[in-house]
Protein backbone atom coordinates (compact mmCIF):
# COMPACT_ATOMS: atom_id res chain seq x y z
CA MET A 1 37.83 119.96 -25.32
CA SER A 2 35.27 119.38 -22.53
CA GLU A 3 36.01 117.96 -19.19
CA ILE A 4 35.16 114.63 -18.57
CA GLU A 5 32.73 113.67 -16.21
CA ILE A 6 32.42 110.24 -14.92
CA ARG A 7 29.19 108.79 -12.93
CA VAL A 8 28.45 105.14 -11.04
CA VAL A 9 25.78 103.55 -12.86
CA ARG A 10 23.76 100.90 -11.42
CA PHE A 11 24.97 97.67 -14.69
CA ASP A 12 21.76 96.86 -15.71
CA SER A 13 20.77 100.65 -16.04
CA ALA A 14 19.17 101.85 -19.43
CA VAL A 15 22.49 103.79 -20.07
CA ALA A 16 24.91 100.82 -19.33
CA ARG A 17 22.96 98.27 -21.39
CA GLN A 18 23.40 100.81 -24.66
CA LEU A 19 27.21 101.34 -24.14
CA THR A 20 27.37 97.19 -23.21
CA THR A 21 25.21 96.66 -26.32
CA ALA A 22 27.93 99.37 -28.48
CA ALA A 23 31.13 97.17 -26.71
CA LEU A 24 29.49 94.01 -27.73
CA ALA A 25 28.71 94.74 -31.07
CA GLU A 26 32.09 95.70 -31.93
CA LEU A 27 34.09 92.95 -29.84
CA GLY A 28 31.63 90.74 -32.46
CA ALA A 29 32.84 92.65 -35.65
CA ARG A 30 36.24 92.18 -34.62
CA TYR A 31 36.15 88.09 -33.47
CA GLY A 32 32.45 87.00 -34.49
CA GLY A 33 29.92 85.76 -32.53
CA SER A 34 27.74 87.86 -29.49
CA GLY A 35 31.26 89.89 -29.02
CA ASP A 36 32.11 88.26 -25.61
CA GLU A 37 30.41 85.18 -23.88
CA THR A 38 31.66 85.98 -20.70
CA PRO A 39 28.82 85.30 -17.89
CA VAL A 40 27.62 88.69 -16.43
CA ASP A 41 25.33 88.92 -13.51
CA ALA A 42 24.46 92.55 -13.04
CA ALA A 43 24.47 92.27 -9.22
CA GLU A 44 28.40 91.76 -9.64
CA PHE A 45 28.99 95.34 -10.14
CA GLU A 46 27.17 96.61 -7.08
CA PRO A 47 29.37 97.90 -4.30
CA PRO A 48 30.98 96.58 -2.59
CA ALA A 49 31.51 93.44 -5.14
CA GLY A 50 32.04 95.78 -7.95
CA ALA A 51 30.93 98.72 -9.60
CA PHE A 52 30.27 100.18 -13.23
CA LEU A 53 31.20 103.44 -14.50
CA VAL A 54 30.06 105.33 -17.05
CA ALA A 55 31.72 108.11 -18.74
CA TYR A 56 30.51 111.27 -20.24
CA LEU A 57 31.23 114.40 -22.37
CA ALA A 58 28.98 117.03 -22.84
CA GLY A 59 26.29 115.39 -21.08
CA GLU A 60 26.53 112.52 -24.03
CA PRO A 61 27.53 108.97 -22.53
CA VAL A 62 30.79 108.23 -24.45
CA GLY A 63 32.73 105.45 -22.53
CA CYS A 64 32.25 102.94 -19.52
CA GLY A 65 33.75 100.11 -17.76
CA GLY A 66 33.27 98.24 -14.64
CA TRP A 67 35.12 95.66 -11.98
CA ARG A 68 33.48 92.87 -10.37
CA GLY A 69 35.55 90.79 -7.79
CA HIS A 70 37.79 87.94 -8.63
CA GLY A 71 38.65 85.20 -7.19
CA GLU A 72 38.40 84.14 -3.22
CA GLY A 73 40.64 86.93 -1.55
CA GLY A 74 38.95 89.77 -1.95
CA ASP A 75 42.01 91.92 -2.80
CA THR A 76 41.68 91.03 -6.75
CA ALA A 77 39.12 93.03 -9.36
CA GLU A 78 38.63 91.85 -12.84
CA LEU A 79 38.08 94.77 -15.05
CA LYS A 80 35.14 94.28 -18.07
CA ARG A 81 33.29 95.57 -20.58
CA MET A 82 35.67 98.80 -21.02
CA PHE A 83 34.39 100.44 -24.25
CA THR A 84 34.41 104.33 -25.88
CA THR A 85 32.32 105.05 -28.64
CA THR A 86 33.85 106.33 -31.84
CA SER A 87 33.00 109.51 -31.87
CA ALA A 88 34.92 110.40 -28.58
CA ARG A 89 38.42 107.90 -28.89
CA GLY A 90 41.49 109.66 -28.75
CA ARG A 91 40.27 112.26 -26.29
CA GLY A 92 41.30 110.32 -23.01
CA VAL A 93 38.25 109.06 -22.18
CA ALA A 94 39.22 104.82 -22.24
CA ARG A 95 42.32 106.49 -19.40
CA ALA A 96 39.82 108.63 -17.62
CA VAL A 97 37.57 105.35 -17.07
CA LEU A 98 40.11 102.86 -16.63
CA ALA A 99 41.75 105.90 -13.98
CA ALA A 100 38.58 105.81 -12.49
CA VAL A 101 37.73 102.13 -12.21
CA GLU A 102 40.93 100.95 -10.62
CA GLU A 103 40.23 104.12 -7.99
CA SER A 104 36.55 102.51 -7.42
CA ALA A 105 38.36 99.42 -7.11
CA ARG A 106 41.18 100.33 -4.70
CA GLU A 107 38.06 102.32 -2.03
CA TYR A 108 36.64 98.82 -2.05
CA GLY A 109 40.08 97.16 -0.83
CA CYS A 110 41.36 95.71 -3.76
CA LYS A 111 44.84 95.76 -4.50
CA ARG A 112 45.23 93.98 -8.04
CA MET A 113 43.80 94.66 -11.46
CA ILE A 114 43.17 91.70 -13.93
CA LEU A 115 41.74 91.63 -17.44
CA GLU A 116 41.06 89.60 -20.29
CA CYS A 117 41.63 91.17 -24.03
CA GLY A 118 41.44 89.55 -27.57
CA ASP A 119 44.57 90.09 -30.29
CA LYS A 120 42.24 92.00 -32.53
CA GLN A 121 42.49 95.07 -29.67
CA PRO A 122 45.52 96.59 -30.39
CA GLU A 123 44.14 100.40 -29.54
CA ALA A 124 43.41 98.71 -25.85
CA ILE A 125 46.46 96.41 -25.69
CA ALA A 126 48.73 99.68 -26.34
CA MET A 127 46.72 101.18 -23.61
CA TYR A 128 47.08 98.75 -20.97
CA ARG A 129 50.59 98.21 -21.34
CA SER A 130 51.10 102.25 -21.67
CA GLY A 131 48.89 102.27 -18.15
CA GLY A 132 51.28 99.67 -16.24
CA TYR A 133 49.49 96.16 -16.56
CA GLU A 134 51.85 93.55 -17.90
CA GLN A 135 50.89 90.20 -19.67
CA ILE A 136 49.87 87.35 -16.90
CA GLU A 137 48.51 83.73 -17.36
CA ASN A 138 44.94 83.62 -18.94
CA PHE A 139 42.41 82.93 -16.48
CA GLY A 140 38.31 83.14 -16.81
CA TYR A 141 36.07 82.32 -19.44
CA TYR A 142 38.56 82.67 -22.55
CA ARG A 143 41.50 81.41 -20.66
CA ASP A 144 42.27 78.45 -23.22
CA ALA A 145 40.63 80.68 -26.70
CA PRO A 146 43.15 81.52 -29.07
CA GLY A 147 44.15 84.96 -28.73
CA CYS A 148 42.97 85.71 -25.57
CA ILE A 149 45.76 88.13 -24.00
CA SER A 150 45.52 88.66 -19.79
CA PHE A 151 46.96 91.55 -18.12
CA GLY A 152 47.18 92.48 -14.31
CA ARG A 153 48.43 95.19 -12.22
CA THR A 154 49.33 96.24 -8.85
CA LEU A 155 46.91 98.76 -7.86
């Protein structure tokens, strides 16, 4: 198995756009619509307020995820745009990206990670739960949407 390499990239870089477009297409297939209509600004993923990471296998981009600050206190990060390409699933990419995103947020002083997920993503839900995430009260853009499940964990 190839080693997973994770790099910090700009959210508006070509590789990030390629992966997030694929992520939104998959979400759109599962839920309808554009996949995720949460307002996102590339500047939110610039250190120290956030970061965006891309995973590579054999030099090919195969996964991504990022965090942005959430709330006023500056100690909570929101996980956004977690995605692994179909060809790389089952190879530990998502777990590696999640760990790297958590470490990045921790390095910038965040003490908690939160996220929104939909009920039609059983693989993601299982990964978050196995990674120590617990269901929390819904928040954010989809707080009142049917099927929204929010998770959080202390970093």
